C-alpha cells in the first residue's frame, strides 16, 4: 500500500507526532491523507530481543497507535478513536527499520475498520486488523483552549481525501 503525500496534511502529521506514544516510543508519522497514514520506526523504545527484533507487545502498541491515528482521519471533529478489536499476524521478526502503512478499509459514523501492514524494506513482517469505536465530543475544540493543555487534547486538523490531494 502506498499512502499518497498530502501537502496540506502537515498539521495533522505534526499533531500525530505530538501524541504521547509517538514521543515516548519514537514512531514518526511521515504521511497522512483521509483514510491513510505511513509511519516509520528507526529506533526501538526498549532493547531488542536476542534475535534483534522488537518485542511483539511493543509492535502491538505501535500498530494500535497507527490505527487509531488513521481512524481519526475519517471521523468528525472532536471525535476520538477507541480500540474495540486488534488482531495481529506476526509473520517475521520485526527488525528495524520498520514502516507502518495503515488504511481505513471501511467506516460508518460509529465504527472504523482499519488494516496495518508492517514492513522491513520490502519484507512484510506483520499484518493487523482493528475496529475502532467513534467516541463523539471527546476532544476539545482548539477555540475552547484554556490553560496549558497539551495539543493532543484538541481535535486534530483535517486531512484531504487521497483523491483530493
N, C-alpha and C. Protein backbone atom coordinates (compact mmCIF):
# COMPACT_ATOMS: atom_id res chain seq x y z
N UNK A 1 0.84 -1.18 0.00
CA UNK A 1 0.00 0.00 0.00
C UNK A 1 0.88 1.23 0.00
N UNK A 2 0.55 2.18 -0.82
CA UNK A 2 1.26 3.45 -0.83
C UNK A 2 0.31 4.54 -0.37
N UNK A 3 0.74 5.30 0.61
CA UNK A 3 -0.06 6.43 1.09
C UNK A 3 0.41 7.65 0.34
N UNK A 4 -0.44 8.26 -0.50
CA UNK A 4 -0.01 9.45 -1.23
C UNK A 4 0.25 10.61 -0.29
N UNK A 5 1.27 11.38 -0.60
CA UNK A 5 1.59 12.54 0.23
C UNK A 5 0.53 13.61 0.05
N UNK A 6 0.15 14.25 1.12
CA UNK A 6 -0.81 15.34 1.09
C UNK A 6 -0.12 16.56 1.68
N UNK A 7 0.25 17.53 0.85
CA UNK A 7 0.97 18.68 1.39
C UNK A 7 0.17 19.46 2.43
N UNK A 8 -1.15 19.36 2.40
CA UNK A 8 -1.98 20.06 3.37
C UNK A 8 -2.11 19.29 4.68
N UNK A 9 -1.55 18.10 4.75
CA UNK A 9 -1.70 17.26 5.94
C UNK A 9 -0.59 17.46 6.96
N UNK A 10 0.33 18.39 6.72
CA UNK A 10 1.45 18.56 7.63
C UNK A 10 0.99 18.88 9.05
N UNK A 11 -0.07 19.66 9.21
CA UNK A 11 -0.56 19.95 10.56
C UNK A 11 -1.05 18.68 11.25
N UNK A 12 -1.69 17.80 10.50
CA UNK A 12 -2.16 16.54 11.07
C UNK A 12 -0.96 15.68 11.47
N UNK A 13 0.03 15.59 10.58
CA UNK A 13 1.24 14.81 10.87
C UNK A 13 1.90 15.34 12.14
N UNK A 14 2.00 16.66 12.27
CA UNK A 14 2.58 17.27 13.47
C UNK A 14 1.77 16.90 14.70
N UNK A 15 0.43 16.92 14.59
CA UNK A 15 -0.43 16.55 15.71
C UNK A 15 -0.19 15.10 16.11
N UNK A 16 -0.18 14.19 15.14
CA UNK A 16 0.05 12.76 15.44
C UNK A 16 1.40 12.58 16.11
N UNK A 17 2.42 13.27 15.63
CA UNK A 17 3.75 13.12 16.20
C UNK A 17 3.89 13.74 17.59
N UNK A 18 2.89 14.52 18.02
CA UNK A 18 2.90 15.08 19.37
C UNK A 18 2.22 14.16 20.39
N UNK A 19 1.56 13.11 19.92
CA UNK A 19 0.87 12.20 20.84
C UNK A 19 1.88 11.50 21.75
N UNK A 20 1.51 11.26 23.01
CA UNK A 20 2.47 10.69 23.97
C UNK A 20 3.15 9.41 23.51
N UNK A 21 2.43 8.48 22.91
CA UNK A 21 3.07 7.23 22.49
C UNK A 21 4.09 7.50 21.39
N UNK A 22 3.79 8.40 20.47
CA UNK A 22 4.73 8.74 19.41
C UNK A 22 6.02 9.32 20.00
N UNK A 23 5.86 10.21 20.96
CA UNK A 23 7.02 10.84 21.59
C UNK A 23 7.84 9.81 22.37
N UNK A 24 7.17 9.01 23.20
CA UNK A 24 7.87 8.07 24.07
C UNK A 24 8.48 6.88 23.31
N UNK A 25 7.77 6.38 22.28
CA UNK A 25 8.24 5.20 21.58
C UNK A 25 9.04 5.52 20.32
N UNK A 26 8.97 6.75 19.84
CA UNK A 26 9.78 7.15 18.70
C UNK A 26 9.21 6.83 17.33
N UNK A 27 7.92 6.50 17.25
CA UNK A 27 7.32 6.27 15.94
C UNK A 27 6.97 7.63 15.34
N UNK A 28 7.21 7.75 14.05
CA UNK A 28 7.02 9.05 13.39
C UNK A 28 6.06 8.92 12.21
N UNK A 29 5.01 9.73 12.24
CA UNK A 29 4.10 9.80 11.10
C UNK A 29 4.79 10.66 10.04
N UNK A 30 4.92 10.11 8.83
CA UNK A 30 5.60 10.83 7.76
C UNK A 30 4.65 11.25 6.65
N UNK A 31 3.48 10.58 6.54
CA UNK A 31 2.49 10.93 5.53
C UNK A 31 1.11 10.65 6.07
N UNK A 32 0.15 11.48 5.64
CA UNK A 32 -1.24 11.27 6.04
C UNK A 32 -2.18 11.79 4.96
N UNK A 33 -3.25 11.06 4.77
CA UNK A 33 -4.37 11.50 3.94
C UNK A 33 -5.63 11.08 4.68
N UNK A 34 -6.76 11.48 4.19
CA UNK A 34 -8.01 11.00 4.76
C UNK A 34 -8.09 9.50 4.45
N UNK A 35 -8.00 8.68 5.50
CA UNK A 35 -8.08 7.24 5.33
C UNK A 35 -6.76 6.52 5.21
N UNK A 36 -5.64 7.19 5.42
CA UNK A 36 -4.36 6.51 5.33
C UNK A 36 -3.22 7.26 5.99
N UNK A 37 -2.30 6.49 6.57
CA UNK A 37 -1.07 7.08 7.12
C UNK A 37 0.10 6.16 6.83
N UNK A 38 1.27 6.75 6.86
CA UNK A 38 2.52 5.97 6.84
C UNK A 38 3.34 6.47 8.01
N UNK A 39 3.82 5.51 8.82
CA UNK A 39 4.66 5.83 9.96
C UNK A 39 5.92 5.01 9.88
N UNK A 40 6.98 5.53 10.49
CA UNK A 40 8.26 4.82 10.48
C UNK A 40 8.81 4.72 11.90
N UNK A 41 9.57 3.67 12.11
CA UNK A 41 10.26 3.47 13.38
C UNK A 41 11.69 3.08 13.05
N UNK A 42 12.65 3.88 13.52
CA UNK A 42 14.05 3.61 13.22
C UNK A 42 14.86 3.21 14.45
N UNK A 43 14.28 3.46 15.64
CA UNK A 43 14.97 3.13 16.89
C UNK A 43 13.97 2.48 17.83
N UNK A 44 14.38 1.40 18.49
CA UNK A 44 13.48 0.70 19.40
C UNK A 44 13.36 1.44 20.73
N UNK A 45 12.12 1.51 21.27
CA UNK A 45 11.95 2.17 22.56
C UNK A 45 12.51 1.36 23.72
N UNK A 46 12.76 0.07 23.51
CA UNK A 46 13.40 -0.79 24.52
C UNK A 46 14.42 -1.67 23.80
N UNK A 47 15.24 -2.35 24.57
CA UNK A 47 16.25 -3.23 23.97
C UNK A 47 15.58 -4.30 23.10
N UNK A 48 16.21 -4.61 22.00
CA UNK A 48 15.69 -5.64 21.09
C UNK A 48 15.81 -7.02 21.73
N UNK A 49 14.99 -7.95 21.22
CA UNK A 49 15.07 -9.35 21.64
C UNK A 49 16.43 -9.92 21.22
N UNK A 50 16.81 -11.09 21.76
CA UNK A 50 18.09 -11.70 21.36
C UNK A 50 18.22 -11.90 19.84
N UNK A 51 17.10 -12.03 19.14
CA UNK A 51 17.15 -12.20 17.68
C UNK A 51 17.22 -10.87 16.94
N UNK A 52 17.29 -9.76 17.68
CA UNK A 52 17.41 -8.44 17.05
C UNK A 52 16.08 -7.78 16.74
N UNK A 53 14.98 -8.43 17.09
CA UNK A 53 13.65 -7.92 16.77
C UNK A 53 13.06 -7.16 17.96
N UNK A 54 12.10 -6.30 17.64
CA UNK A 54 11.35 -5.58 18.67
C UNK A 54 10.33 -6.53 19.28
N UNK A 55 10.13 -6.47 20.58
CA UNK A 55 9.17 -7.30 21.28
C UNK A 55 7.79 -7.15 20.65
N UNK A 56 7.06 -8.25 20.51
CA UNK A 56 5.73 -8.24 19.89
C UNK A 56 4.73 -7.33 20.58
N UNK A 57 4.84 -7.19 21.89
CA UNK A 57 3.94 -6.30 22.62
C UNK A 57 4.17 -4.84 22.26
N UNK A 58 5.42 -4.48 22.02
CA UNK A 58 5.74 -3.12 21.59
C UNK A 58 5.20 -2.90 20.18
N UNK A 59 5.40 -3.88 19.31
CA UNK A 59 4.87 -3.78 17.94
C UNK A 59 3.35 -3.62 17.98
N UNK A 60 2.70 -4.36 18.86
CA UNK A 60 1.25 -4.26 19.01
C UNK A 60 0.83 -2.84 19.40
N UNK A 61 1.54 -2.25 20.37
CA UNK A 61 1.22 -0.88 20.79
C UNK A 61 1.42 0.11 19.65
N UNK A 62 2.46 -0.09 18.86
CA UNK A 62 2.73 0.81 17.73
C UNK A 62 1.66 0.67 16.65
N UNK A 63 1.23 -0.56 16.40
CA UNK A 63 0.15 -0.78 15.43
C UNK A 63 -1.14 -0.13 15.92
N UNK A 64 -1.46 -0.30 17.19
CA UNK A 64 -2.67 0.31 17.76
C UNK A 64 -2.61 1.83 17.61
N UNK A 65 -1.47 2.41 17.87
CA UNK A 65 -1.28 3.86 17.71
C UNK A 65 -1.51 4.27 16.26
N UNK A 66 -0.89 3.56 15.33
CA UNK A 66 -1.04 3.89 13.91
C UNK A 66 -2.49 3.77 13.47
N UNK A 67 -3.15 2.73 13.92
CA UNK A 67 -4.56 2.53 13.55
C UNK A 67 -5.45 3.62 14.12
N UNK A 68 -5.28 3.96 15.37
CA UNK A 68 -6.11 4.99 15.99
C UNK A 68 -5.94 6.33 15.29
N UNK A 69 -4.69 6.69 14.99
CA UNK A 69 -4.43 7.96 14.31
C UNK A 69 -5.04 7.95 12.91
N UNK A 70 -5.00 6.81 12.25
CA UNK A 70 -5.57 6.71 10.90
C UNK A 70 -7.09 6.73 10.96
N UNK A 71 -7.68 6.04 11.91
CA UNK A 71 -9.14 6.04 12.06
C UNK A 71 -9.65 7.47 12.25
N UNK A 72 -8.89 8.27 12.97
CA UNK A 72 -9.34 9.64 13.25
C UNK A 72 -9.37 10.52 12.01
N UNK A 73 -8.68 10.11 10.94
CA UNK A 73 -8.71 10.91 9.72
C UNK A 73 -10.07 10.89 9.04
N UNK A 74 -10.92 9.92 9.38
CA UNK A 74 -12.26 9.83 8.75
C UNK A 74 -13.38 10.15 9.74
N UNK A 75 -13.03 10.52 10.94
CA UNK A 75 -14.02 10.83 11.96
C UNK A 75 -14.34 12.32 11.99
N UNK A 76 -15.54 12.67 12.45
CA UNK A 76 -15.89 14.09 12.57
C UNK A 76 -15.01 14.79 13.61
N UNK A 77 -14.92 16.11 13.55
CA UNK A 77 -14.15 16.86 14.55
C UNK A 77 -14.61 16.52 15.97
N UNK A 78 -13.68 16.55 16.89
CA UNK A 78 -13.88 16.31 18.33
C UNK A 78 -14.15 14.84 18.66
N UNK A 79 -14.08 13.96 17.67
CA UNK A 79 -14.33 12.53 17.88
C UNK A 79 -13.01 11.80 18.07
N UNK A 80 -12.94 10.94 19.07
CA UNK A 80 -11.74 10.16 19.33
C UNK A 80 -11.97 8.71 18.90
N UNK A 81 -10.89 8.05 18.53
CA UNK A 81 -10.92 6.64 18.14
C UNK A 81 -10.57 5.78 19.35
N UNK A 82 -11.45 4.85 19.68
CA UNK A 82 -11.23 3.95 20.81
C UNK A 82 -11.16 2.52 20.28
N UNK A 83 -10.09 1.81 20.63
CA UNK A 83 -9.88 0.46 20.12
C UNK A 83 -10.94 -0.49 20.65
N UNK A 84 -11.60 -1.21 19.73
CA UNK A 84 -12.56 -2.25 20.11
C UNK A 84 -11.96 -3.63 19.88
N UNK A 85 -11.28 -3.82 18.75
CA UNK A 85 -10.60 -5.09 18.47
C UNK A 85 -9.25 -4.79 17.84
N UNK A 86 -8.31 -5.69 18.08
CA UNK A 86 -6.99 -5.61 17.46
C UNK A 86 -6.51 -7.03 17.24
N UNK A 87 -6.27 -7.38 15.99
CA UNK A 87 -5.80 -8.73 15.62
C UNK A 87 -4.52 -8.59 14.82
N UNK A 88 -3.48 -9.32 15.24
CA UNK A 88 -2.18 -9.20 14.58
C UNK A 88 -1.68 -10.58 14.19
N UNK A 89 -1.20 -10.68 12.95
CA UNK A 89 -0.48 -11.86 12.50
C UNK A 89 0.99 -11.47 12.43
N UNK A 90 1.81 -12.10 13.28
CA UNK A 90 3.25 -11.86 13.30
C UNK A 90 3.87 -12.83 12.30
N UNK A 91 4.34 -12.31 11.18
CA UNK A 91 4.82 -13.16 10.09
C UNK A 91 6.32 -13.37 10.10
N UNK A 92 7.06 -12.42 10.63
CA UNK A 92 8.52 -12.48 10.66
C UNK A 92 9.00 -11.56 11.78
N UNK A 93 10.24 -11.74 12.23
CA UNK A 93 10.76 -10.84 13.28
C UNK A 93 10.73 -9.39 12.83
N UNK A 94 10.33 -8.51 13.74
CA UNK A 94 10.22 -7.08 13.45
C UNK A 94 11.56 -6.40 13.73
N UNK A 95 12.48 -6.53 12.78
CA UNK A 95 13.81 -5.94 12.90
C UNK A 95 13.78 -4.56 12.24
N UNK A 96 14.37 -3.59 12.90
CA UNK A 96 14.38 -2.20 12.40
C UNK A 96 15.20 -2.06 11.13
N UNK A 97 14.87 -1.04 10.34
CA UNK A 97 13.79 -0.06 10.46
C UNK A 97 12.47 -0.65 9.97
N UNK A 98 11.37 -0.09 10.49
CA UNK A 98 10.04 -0.58 10.12
C UNK A 98 9.19 0.55 9.56
N UNK A 99 8.30 0.16 8.63
CA UNK A 99 7.32 1.09 8.07
C UNK A 99 5.94 0.53 8.36
N UNK A 100 5.04 1.38 8.85
CA UNK A 100 3.67 1.02 9.18
C UNK A 100 2.75 1.73 8.20
N UNK A 101 2.18 0.99 7.25
CA UNK A 101 1.22 1.55 6.30
C UNK A 101 -0.17 1.15 6.77
N UNK A 102 -0.99 2.15 7.06
CA UNK A 102 -2.31 1.90 7.64
C UNK A 102 -3.38 2.53 6.77
N UNK A 103 -4.45 1.77 6.52
CA UNK A 103 -5.56 2.29 5.72
C UNK A 103 -6.89 1.96 6.39
N UNK A 104 -7.84 2.86 6.19
CA UNK A 104 -9.22 2.60 6.60
C UNK A 104 -9.84 1.73 5.52
N UNK A 105 -10.33 0.58 5.92
CA UNK A 105 -10.94 -0.37 4.98
C UNK A 105 -12.40 0.00 4.75
N UNK A 106 -13.07 0.38 5.84
CA UNK A 106 -14.49 0.74 5.78
C UNK A 106 -14.82 1.53 7.04
N UNK A 107 -15.78 2.42 6.93
CA UNK A 107 -16.18 3.14 8.14
C UNK A 107 -17.62 3.61 8.05
N UNK A 108 -18.19 3.74 9.24
CA UNK A 108 -19.52 4.32 9.40
C UNK A 108 -19.38 5.42 10.44
N UNK A 109 -20.47 5.98 10.83
CA UNK A 109 -20.40 7.03 11.86
C UNK A 109 -19.94 6.45 13.20
N UNK A 110 -20.25 5.19 13.47
CA UNK A 110 -19.94 4.60 14.77
C UNK A 110 -18.67 3.75 14.79
N UNK A 111 -18.31 3.12 13.67
CA UNK A 111 -17.19 2.18 13.64
C UNK A 111 -16.25 2.48 12.48
N UNK A 112 -14.97 2.21 12.72
CA UNK A 112 -13.96 2.34 11.66
C UNK A 112 -13.15 1.05 11.65
N UNK A 113 -13.05 0.42 10.48
CA UNK A 113 -12.29 -0.81 10.29
C UNK A 113 -10.98 -0.46 9.60
N UNK A 114 -9.86 -0.90 10.19
CA UNK A 114 -8.55 -0.45 9.77
C UNK A 114 -7.63 -1.64 9.55
N UNK A 115 -6.67 -1.49 8.63
CA UNK A 115 -5.64 -2.52 8.41
C UNK A 115 -4.27 -1.86 8.43
N UNK A 116 -3.31 -2.51 9.09
CA UNK A 116 -1.92 -2.06 9.08
C UNK A 116 -1.05 -3.18 8.54
N UNK A 117 -0.15 -2.79 7.66
CA UNK A 117 0.87 -3.71 7.14
C UNK A 117 2.23 -3.15 7.57
N UNK A 118 2.97 -3.95 8.32
CA UNK A 118 4.29 -3.52 8.81
C UNK A 118 5.35 -4.20 7.94
N UNK A 119 6.28 -3.41 7.46
CA UNK A 119 7.34 -3.92 6.59
C UNK A 119 8.71 -3.50 7.09
N UNK A 120 9.66 -4.36 6.78
CA UNK A 120 11.08 -4.02 6.89
C UNK A 120 11.59 -4.04 5.46
N UNK A 121 11.77 -2.87 4.90
CA UNK A 121 12.09 -2.81 3.47
C UNK A 121 10.91 -3.37 2.69
N UNK A 122 11.15 -4.33 1.85
CA UNK A 122 10.08 -4.97 1.07
C UNK A 122 9.46 -6.16 1.81
N UNK A 123 10.06 -6.58 2.91
CA UNK A 123 9.59 -7.77 3.62
C UNK A 123 8.41 -7.44 4.54
N UNK A 124 7.31 -8.14 4.34
CA UNK A 124 6.14 -7.99 5.19
C UNK A 124 6.39 -8.76 6.49
N UNK A 125 6.31 -8.05 7.63
CA UNK A 125 6.58 -8.71 8.91
C UNK A 125 5.34 -8.88 9.78
N UNK A 126 4.34 -7.99 9.62
CA UNK A 126 3.11 -8.09 10.40
C UNK A 126 1.94 -7.59 9.56
N UNK A 127 0.79 -8.22 9.76
CA UNK A 127 -0.47 -7.74 9.18
C UNK A 127 -1.46 -7.68 10.33
N UNK A 128 -2.14 -6.55 10.45
CA UNK A 128 -3.08 -6.38 11.57
C UNK A 128 -4.37 -5.76 11.07
N UNK A 129 -5.45 -6.13 11.74
CA UNK A 129 -6.75 -5.50 11.51
C UNK A 129 -7.29 -5.03 12.85
N UNK A 130 -8.07 -3.98 12.79
CA UNK A 130 -8.65 -3.46 14.02
C UNK A 130 -9.97 -2.78 13.75
N UNK A 131 -10.76 -2.69 14.80
CA UNK A 131 -12.03 -1.98 14.76
C UNK A 131 -11.97 -0.89 15.82
N UNK A 132 -12.38 0.32 15.44
CA UNK A 132 -12.36 1.45 16.36
C UNK A 132 -13.75 2.04 16.49
N UNK A 133 -14.10 2.37 17.72
CA UNK A 133 -15.39 2.98 18.03
C UNK A 133 -15.18 4.49 18.05
N UNK A 134 -16.12 5.22 17.47
CA UNK A 134 -16.07 6.68 17.46
C UNK A 134 -16.66 7.20 18.77
N UNK A 135 -15.85 7.90 19.54
CA UNK A 135 -16.29 8.49 20.80
C UNK A 135 -16.55 9.98 20.55
N UNK A 136 -17.83 10.32 20.35
CA UNK A 136 -18.22 11.69 19.98
C UNK A 136 -17.96 12.70 21.09
N UNK A 137 -17.67 13.92 20.67
CA UNK A 137 -17.47 15.07 21.57
C UNK A 137 -16.49 14.78 22.69
N UNK A 138 -15.44 14.06 22.38
CA UNK A 138 -14.43 13.70 23.37
C UNK A 138 -13.29 14.71 23.40
N UNK A 139 -12.80 15.07 22.22
CA UNK A 139 -11.69 16.01 22.14
C UNK A 139 -12.20 17.44 22.22
N UNK A 140 -11.34 18.34 22.65
CA UNK A 140 -11.70 19.74 22.79
C UNK A 140 -11.54 20.48 21.47
N UNK A 141 -12.34 21.50 21.27
CA UNK A 141 -12.19 22.40 20.14
C UNK A 141 -11.05 23.36 20.48
N UNK A 142 -10.07 23.54 19.59
CA UNK A 142 -8.96 24.45 19.89
C UNK A 142 -9.42 25.86 20.29
N UNK A 143 -10.58 26.28 19.82
CA UNK A 143 -11.10 27.61 20.18
C UNK A 143 -11.46 27.68 21.66
N UNK A 144 -11.65 26.54 22.30
CA UNK A 144 -12.01 26.48 23.72
C UNK A 144 -10.80 26.34 24.63
N UNK A 145 -9.60 26.48 24.08
CA UNK A 145 -8.37 26.26 24.84
C UNK A 145 -8.24 27.24 25.99
N UNK A 146 -8.01 26.70 27.17
CA UNK A 146 -7.69 27.49 28.35
C UNK A 146 -6.58 26.77 29.09
N UNK A 147 -5.70 27.49 29.69
CA UNK A 147 -4.63 26.87 30.46
C UNK A 147 -3.55 26.29 29.56
N UNK A 148 -2.81 25.35 30.12
CA UNK A 148 -1.66 24.77 29.42
C UNK A 148 -1.90 23.32 29.02
N UNK A 149 -3.04 23.03 28.43
CA UNK A 149 -3.31 21.67 27.99
C UNK A 149 -2.46 21.33 26.77
N UNK A 150 -1.94 20.10 26.71
CA UNK A 150 -1.17 19.70 25.54
C UNK A 150 -2.04 19.68 24.28
N UNK A 151 -1.43 19.86 23.12
CA UNK A 151 -2.14 19.91 21.86
C UNK A 151 -2.94 18.68 21.52
N UNK A 152 -2.53 17.53 22.04
CA UNK A 152 -3.25 16.30 21.71
C UNK A 152 -4.59 16.17 22.44
N UNK A 153 -4.91 17.10 23.32
CA UNK A 153 -6.23 17.13 23.95
C UNK A 153 -7.28 17.68 22.99
N UNK A 154 -6.81 18.29 21.91
CA UNK A 154 -7.70 19.00 21.00
C UNK A 154 -7.90 18.23 19.70
N UNK A 155 -9.00 18.52 19.05
CA UNK A 155 -9.31 17.87 17.79
C UNK A 155 -8.20 18.16 16.77
N UNK A 156 -7.74 17.16 16.03
CA UNK A 156 -6.66 17.38 15.08
C UNK A 156 -7.15 18.13 13.84
N UNK A 157 -6.22 18.73 13.10
CA UNK A 157 -6.61 19.38 11.85
C UNK A 157 -7.06 18.33 10.84
N UNK A 158 -7.96 18.68 9.93
CA UNK A 158 -8.44 17.70 8.94
C UNK A 158 -7.38 17.41 7.88
N UNK A 159 -7.51 16.26 7.23
CA UNK A 159 -6.65 15.91 6.10
C UNK A 159 -7.54 15.66 4.89
N UNK A 160 -7.01 15.88 3.72
CA UNK A 160 -7.77 15.70 2.48
C UNK A 160 -7.87 14.22 2.12
N UNK A 161 -8.89 13.89 1.38
CA UNK A 161 -9.02 12.53 0.84
C UNK A 161 -7.91 12.31 -0.17
N UNK A 162 -7.47 11.06 -0.32
CA UNK A 162 -6.40 10.74 -1.26
C UNK A 162 -6.73 11.25 -2.66
N UNK A 163 -7.97 11.16 -3.08
CA UNK A 163 -8.35 11.61 -4.42
C UNK A 163 -8.39 13.12 -4.52
N UNK A 164 -8.44 13.82 -3.35
CA UNK A 164 -8.46 15.28 -3.33
C UNK A 164 -7.05 15.85 -3.34
N UNK A 165 -6.06 15.02 -2.96
CA UNK A 165 -4.69 15.51 -2.80
C UNK A 165 -4.03 15.76 -4.14
